[in-house]
Structures are given as C-alpha cells and as structure tokens.
Amino acid sequence: MGYKTHNDTFAAIVSYALMNRLRTGILNKMREIVSSANIEKIHLVLSTSSDFTFFLSQGFSKYHDPEIIVYQYDRSDSQKYPWGVSNKALPTSAIIRQTSQEH
C-alpha cells in the first residue's frame, strides 16, 4: 500500500487538516486490507517526517488493529531498519530490535 502527496517537498504537509485527512485515509485503507485479508501483523516503513509518523501512530488502536511495528530508517547503518516500535507490546518491550536484514 502506498500514499503520496502531490507536493514532493519536505514541507508537503502544511496543515493539521491535511495531516488528519491523510491519517484517516491511510488508516481506513489499512483496516480495509487487514479485514479482507485477515492480516495479523503489519511491518510499516514510512518515508515521512517524524512528526507525521507520530501523528499517524496515534491513530493505531491497540484493541482493534493488528500488531503494527513502525520501523526507523537509518541511512548510516548497514542495517537500514535497525529498530521499530510495536503498538501491542508492553512499554518495557515495545522496541523491536532487528537482528538481520529480513524486512
């Protein structure tokens, strides 16, 4: 699944209303796919600002969505996605560290 704005610049998301529309669209499409395919876990890699990543993640439901692991991209690391955060894990174990380049 992919979403793209019409403006490819760093400051493409210029208002709360636009962020909210994007989040609603992404979450609705994601939940539609999850429901139709009976998906139990999502590995999510985003190419967006950290602000939007956190805003999108605030819409995840611990009770209604499957486990969603949002991965951090690190250009300087040989392992490009060294860690992620799970929406289902307890806070003490929510950080998921990658041990191989599987994803």
N, C-alpha and C. Protein backbone atom coordinates (compact mmCIF):
# COMPACT_ATOMS: atom_id res chain seq x y z
N MET A 1 0.84 -1.16 0.00
CA MET A 1 0.00 0.00 0.00
C MET A 1 0.90 1.23 0.00
N GLY A 2 0.56 2.22 -0.78
CA GLY A 2 1.34 3.44 -0.82
C GLY A 2 0.46 4.67 -0.90
N TYR A 3 0.92 5.71 -0.28
CA TYR A 3 0.25 7.02 -0.34
C TYR A 3 1.30 8.03 -0.74
N LYS A 4 0.91 8.98 -1.55
CA LYS A 4 1.85 10.00 -2.00
C LYS A 4 1.12 11.33 -2.08
N THR A 5 1.78 12.39 -1.62
CA THR A 5 1.20 13.73 -1.75
C THR A 5 1.51 14.27 -3.14
N HIS A 6 0.81 15.28 -3.56
CA HIS A 6 1.06 15.89 -4.86
C HIS A 6 2.31 16.75 -4.84
N ASN A 7 2.73 17.15 -3.67
CA ASN A 7 3.89 18.00 -3.49
C ASN A 7 4.99 17.16 -2.85
N ASP A 8 6.08 16.93 -3.57
CA ASP A 8 7.15 16.05 -3.09
C ASP A 8 8.21 16.76 -2.25
N THR A 9 7.94 17.97 -1.79
CA THR A 9 8.94 18.67 -0.99
C THR A 9 8.86 18.23 0.47
N PHE A 10 9.86 18.62 1.23
CA PHE A 10 9.91 18.25 2.65
C PHE A 10 8.72 18.81 3.41
N ALA A 11 8.25 19.99 3.02
CA ALA A 11 7.15 20.65 3.73
C ALA A 11 5.81 20.43 3.02
N ALA A 12 5.57 19.23 2.53
CA ALA A 12 4.35 18.95 1.77
C ALA A 12 3.10 18.95 2.64
N ILE A 13 3.24 18.59 3.90
CA ILE A 13 2.09 18.56 4.81
C ILE A 13 2.11 19.87 5.59
N VAL A 14 1.21 20.77 5.21
CA VAL A 14 1.30 22.14 5.71
C VAL A 14 0.23 22.51 6.73
N SER A 15 -0.68 21.59 7.03
CA SER A 15 -1.73 21.94 7.99
C SER A 15 -2.20 20.71 8.75
N TYR A 16 -2.80 20.97 9.90
CA TYR A 16 -3.38 19.89 10.69
C TYR A 16 -4.48 19.20 9.91
N ALA A 17 -5.29 19.97 9.18
CA ALA A 17 -6.40 19.39 8.41
C ALA A 17 -5.88 18.40 7.37
N LEU A 18 -4.78 18.74 6.69
CA LEU A 18 -4.20 17.83 5.70
C LEU A 18 -3.64 16.59 6.38
N MET A 19 -2.94 16.77 7.50
CA MET A 19 -2.42 15.61 8.24
C MET A 19 -3.55 14.69 8.65
N ASN A 20 -4.63 15.26 9.13
CA ASN A 20 -5.76 14.47 9.58
C ASN A 20 -6.42 13.72 8.43
N ARG A 21 -6.57 14.37 7.26
CA ARG A 21 -7.14 13.69 6.09
C ARG A 21 -6.25 12.53 5.65
N LEU A 22 -4.94 12.77 5.61
CA LEU A 22 -4.02 11.70 5.23
C LEU A 22 -4.08 10.54 6.22
N ARG A 23 -4.06 10.85 7.51
CA ARG A 23 -4.13 9.79 8.53
C ARG A 23 -5.42 9.00 8.40
N THR A 24 -6.54 9.68 8.25
CA THR A 24 -7.83 9.00 8.12
C THR A 24 -7.83 8.10 6.89
N GLY A 25 -7.34 8.60 5.77
CA GLY A 25 -7.29 7.80 4.54
C GLY A 25 -6.40 6.59 4.68
N ILE A 26 -5.22 6.77 5.26
CA ILE A 26 -4.29 5.65 5.44
C ILE A 26 -4.88 4.61 6.38
N LEU A 27 -5.41 5.04 7.52
CA LEU A 27 -5.97 4.09 8.49
C LEU A 27 -7.18 3.36 7.91
N ASN A 28 -8.05 4.06 7.20
CA ASN A 28 -9.21 3.40 6.60
C ASN A 28 -8.80 2.35 5.58
N LYS A 29 -7.85 2.69 4.70
CA LYS A 29 -7.38 1.74 3.68
C LYS A 29 -6.68 0.56 4.35
N MET A 30 -5.84 0.84 5.33
CA MET A 30 -5.13 -0.22 6.04
C MET A 30 -6.12 -1.18 6.69
N ARG A 31 -7.13 -0.65 7.36
CA ARG A 31 -8.11 -1.50 8.04
C ARG A 31 -8.96 -2.29 7.04
N GLU A 32 -9.23 -1.71 5.89
CA GLU A 32 -9.96 -2.43 4.84
C GLU A 32 -9.16 -3.64 4.36
N ILE A 33 -7.86 -3.43 4.11
CA ILE A 33 -6.99 -4.52 3.66
C ILE A 33 -6.84 -5.57 4.75
N VAL A 34 -6.62 -5.14 5.99
CA VAL A 34 -6.48 -6.06 7.12
C VAL A 34 -7.71 -6.94 7.25
N SER A 35 -8.87 -6.33 7.16
CA SER A 35 -10.13 -7.07 7.31
C SER A 35 -10.34 -8.07 6.19
N SER A 36 -10.07 -7.66 4.96
CA SER A 36 -10.33 -8.55 3.82
C SER A 36 -9.31 -9.68 3.71
N ALA A 37 -8.09 -9.46 4.21
CA ALA A 37 -7.04 -10.47 4.09
C ALA A 37 -6.70 -11.15 5.41
N ASN A 38 -7.42 -10.81 6.48
CA ASN A 38 -7.19 -11.40 7.80
C ASN A 38 -5.72 -11.28 8.24
N ILE A 39 -5.18 -10.10 8.12
CA ILE A 39 -3.78 -9.83 8.46
C ILE A 39 -3.63 -9.70 9.97
N GLU A 40 -2.60 -10.34 10.53
CA GLU A 40 -2.38 -10.32 11.97
C GLU A 40 -1.22 -9.43 12.41
N LYS A 41 -0.33 -9.07 11.48
CA LYS A 41 0.81 -8.21 11.83
C LYS A 41 1.19 -7.38 10.61
N ILE A 42 1.49 -6.10 10.86
CA ILE A 42 1.92 -5.19 9.80
C ILE A 42 3.31 -4.68 10.15
N HIS A 43 4.22 -4.75 9.18
CA HIS A 43 5.54 -4.14 9.31
C HIS A 43 5.48 -2.87 8.47
N LEU A 44 5.57 -1.71 9.12
CA LEU A 44 5.35 -0.43 8.46
C LEU A 44 6.63 0.37 8.37
N VAL A 45 6.98 0.75 7.14
CA VAL A 45 8.14 1.59 6.88
C VAL A 45 7.61 2.86 6.21
N LEU A 46 7.91 4.00 6.79
CA LEU A 46 7.39 5.27 6.28
C LEU A 46 8.53 6.15 5.78
N SER A 47 8.26 6.86 4.72
CA SER A 47 9.17 7.88 4.23
C SER A 47 8.47 9.22 4.43
N THR A 48 8.54 9.71 5.64
CA THR A 48 7.83 10.93 6.01
C THR A 48 8.53 11.57 7.20
N SER A 49 8.06 12.71 7.58
CA SER A 49 8.65 13.38 8.75
C SER A 49 8.33 12.59 10.01
N SER A 50 9.18 12.74 11.01
CA SER A 50 8.89 12.07 12.29
C SER A 50 7.61 12.61 12.90
N ASP A 51 7.31 13.89 12.65
CA ASP A 51 6.05 14.46 13.15
C ASP A 51 4.84 13.70 12.62
N PHE A 52 4.84 13.43 11.31
CA PHE A 52 3.70 12.73 10.73
C PHE A 52 3.68 11.26 11.17
N THR A 53 4.85 10.66 11.32
CA THR A 53 4.91 9.28 11.79
C THR A 53 4.25 9.16 13.16
N PHE A 54 4.57 10.05 14.07
CA PHE A 54 3.95 10.01 15.40
C PHE A 54 2.45 10.32 15.32
N PHE A 55 2.07 11.27 14.47
CA PHE A 55 0.66 11.63 14.32
C PHE A 55 -0.13 10.44 13.79
N LEU A 56 0.39 9.77 12.77
CA LEU A 56 -0.27 8.59 12.21
C LEU A 56 -0.38 7.50 13.27
N SER A 57 0.70 7.27 14.00
CA SER A 57 0.72 6.20 15.00
C SER A 57 -0.26 6.43 16.14
N GLN A 58 -0.58 7.68 16.42
CA GLN A 58 -1.58 7.97 17.45
C GLN A 58 -2.96 7.44 17.07
N GLY A 59 -3.17 7.17 15.79
CA GLY A 59 -4.46 6.64 15.34
C GLY A 59 -4.57 5.13 15.43
N PHE A 60 -3.45 4.44 15.71
CA PHE A 60 -3.49 2.99 15.83
C PHE A 60 -4.25 2.59 17.09
N SER A 61 -5.05 1.56 16.97
CA SER A 61 -5.81 1.07 18.11
C SER A 61 -5.20 -0.23 18.62
N LYS A 62 -4.86 -0.25 19.87
CA LYS A 62 -4.31 -1.46 20.49
C LYS A 62 -5.31 -2.61 20.46
N TYR A 63 -6.59 -2.27 20.47
CA TYR A 63 -7.63 -3.29 20.57
C TYR A 63 -8.27 -3.66 19.24
N HIS A 64 -8.25 -2.75 18.26
CA HIS A 64 -8.96 -3.01 17.01
C HIS A 64 -8.06 -3.25 15.81
N ASP A 65 -6.79 -2.90 15.91
CA ASP A 65 -5.85 -3.11 14.82
C ASP A 65 -4.96 -4.30 15.15
N PRO A 66 -4.37 -4.92 14.11
CA PRO A 66 -3.40 -5.98 14.39
C PRO A 66 -2.12 -5.36 14.96
N GLU A 67 -1.16 -6.18 15.31
CA GLU A 67 0.12 -5.62 15.73
C GLU A 67 0.71 -4.84 14.57
N ILE A 68 1.17 -3.64 14.85
CA ILE A 68 1.81 -2.79 13.85
C ILE A 68 3.17 -2.41 14.39
N ILE A 69 4.21 -2.74 13.64
CA ILE A 69 5.56 -2.36 14.01
C ILE A 69 6.02 -1.29 13.03
N VAL A 70 6.27 -0.10 13.55
CA VAL A 70 6.74 1.02 12.73
C VAL A 70 8.26 1.07 12.86
N TYR A 71 8.96 0.92 11.72
CA TYR A 71 10.42 0.84 11.73
C TYR A 71 11.08 2.19 11.50
N GLN A 72 12.22 2.37 12.12
CA GLN A 72 13.05 3.56 11.97
C GLN A 72 14.07 3.30 10.86
N TYR A 73 14.15 4.19 9.88
CA TYR A 73 15.14 4.10 8.81
C TYR A 73 16.40 4.83 9.24
N ASP A 74 17.55 4.20 9.05
CA ASP A 74 18.82 4.83 9.39
C ASP A 74 19.78 4.66 8.21
N ARG A 75 19.93 5.72 7.45
CA ARG A 75 20.76 5.69 6.24
C ARG A 75 22.20 5.30 6.55
N SER A 76 22.73 5.71 7.71
CA SER A 76 24.13 5.47 8.03
C SER A 76 24.40 4.08 8.59
N ASP A 77 23.37 3.33 8.92
CA ASP A 77 23.53 1.99 9.50
C ASP A 77 23.53 0.96 8.37
N SER A 78 24.39 -0.05 8.48
CA SER A 78 24.40 -1.10 7.45
C SER A 78 23.07 -1.85 7.43
N GLN A 79 22.43 -1.90 8.56
CA GLN A 79 21.08 -2.47 8.65
C GLN A 79 20.13 -1.28 8.61
N LYS A 80 19.48 -1.06 7.50
CA LYS A 80 18.72 0.18 7.25
C LYS A 80 17.54 0.39 8.19
N TYR A 81 16.98 -0.66 8.75
CA TYR A 81 15.84 -0.55 9.67
C TYR A 81 16.20 -1.25 10.97
N PRO A 82 17.07 -0.64 11.79
CA PRO A 82 17.61 -1.33 12.95
C PRO A 82 16.63 -1.57 14.09
N TRP A 83 15.55 -0.78 14.15
CA TRP A 83 14.60 -0.97 15.24
C TRP A 83 13.23 -0.45 14.83
N GLY A 84 12.23 -0.92 15.57
CA GLY A 84 10.86 -0.47 15.35
C GLY A 84 10.13 -0.42 16.68
N VAL A 85 8.92 0.13 16.64
CA VAL A 85 8.09 0.23 17.84
C VAL A 85 6.78 -0.49 17.57
N SER A 86 6.39 -1.37 18.49
CA SER A 86 5.16 -2.15 18.36
C SER A 86 4.02 -1.48 19.12
N ASN A 87 2.84 -1.49 18.52
CA ASN A 87 1.66 -0.93 19.19
C ASN A 87 1.03 -1.90 20.18
N LYS A 88 1.44 -3.15 20.19
CA LYS A 88 0.82 -4.15 21.07
C LYS A 88 1.68 -4.53 22.27
N ALA A 89 2.97 -4.34 22.16
CA ALA A 89 3.87 -4.77 23.24
C ALA A 89 3.76 -3.84 24.45
N LEU A 90 4.10 -4.38 25.59
CA LEU A 90 4.18 -3.57 26.80
C LEU A 90 5.27 -2.51 26.62
N PRO A 91 5.15 -1.37 27.27
CA PRO A 91 6.17 -0.32 27.11
C PRO A 91 7.60 -0.80 27.34
N THR A 92 7.78 -1.73 28.25
CA THR A 92 9.14 -2.23 28.53
C THR A 92 9.70 -3.08 27.41
N SER A 93 8.86 -3.57 26.51
CA SER A 93 9.35 -4.40 25.40
C SER A 93 8.85 -3.92 24.04
N ALA A 94 8.41 -2.67 23.95
CA ALA A 94 7.82 -2.16 22.70
C ALA A 94 8.86 -1.91 21.61
N ILE A 95 10.12 -1.71 21.99
CA ILE A 95 11.17 -1.51 20.99
C ILE A 95 11.58 -2.87 20.45
N ILE A 96 11.44 -3.03 19.14
CA ILE A 96 11.79 -4.28 18.46
C ILE A 96 13.12 -4.05 17.75
N ARG A 97 14.15 -4.74 18.14
CA ARG A 97 15.47 -4.60 17.51
C ARG A 97 15.63 -5.67 16.44
N GLN A 98 16.06 -5.24 15.26
CA GLN A 98 16.30 -6.16 14.16
C GLN A 98 17.64 -6.85 14.36
N THR A 99 17.66 -8.15 14.11
CA THR A 99 18.91 -8.89 14.23
C THR A 99 19.45 -9.29 12.87
N SER A 100 18.63 -9.12 11.82
CA SER A 100 19.08 -9.42 10.46
C SER A 100 18.31 -8.53 9.50
N GLN A 101 18.74 -8.49 8.26
CA GLN A 101 18.11 -7.64 7.25
C GLN A 101 16.95 -8.38 6.59
N GLU A 102 15.97 -8.81 7.39
CA GLU A 102 14.84 -9.59 6.88
C GLU A 102 13.77 -8.72 6.26
N HIS A 103 13.55 -7.49 6.77
CA HIS A 103 12.40 -6.67 6.35
C HIS A 103 12.84 -5.52 5.49
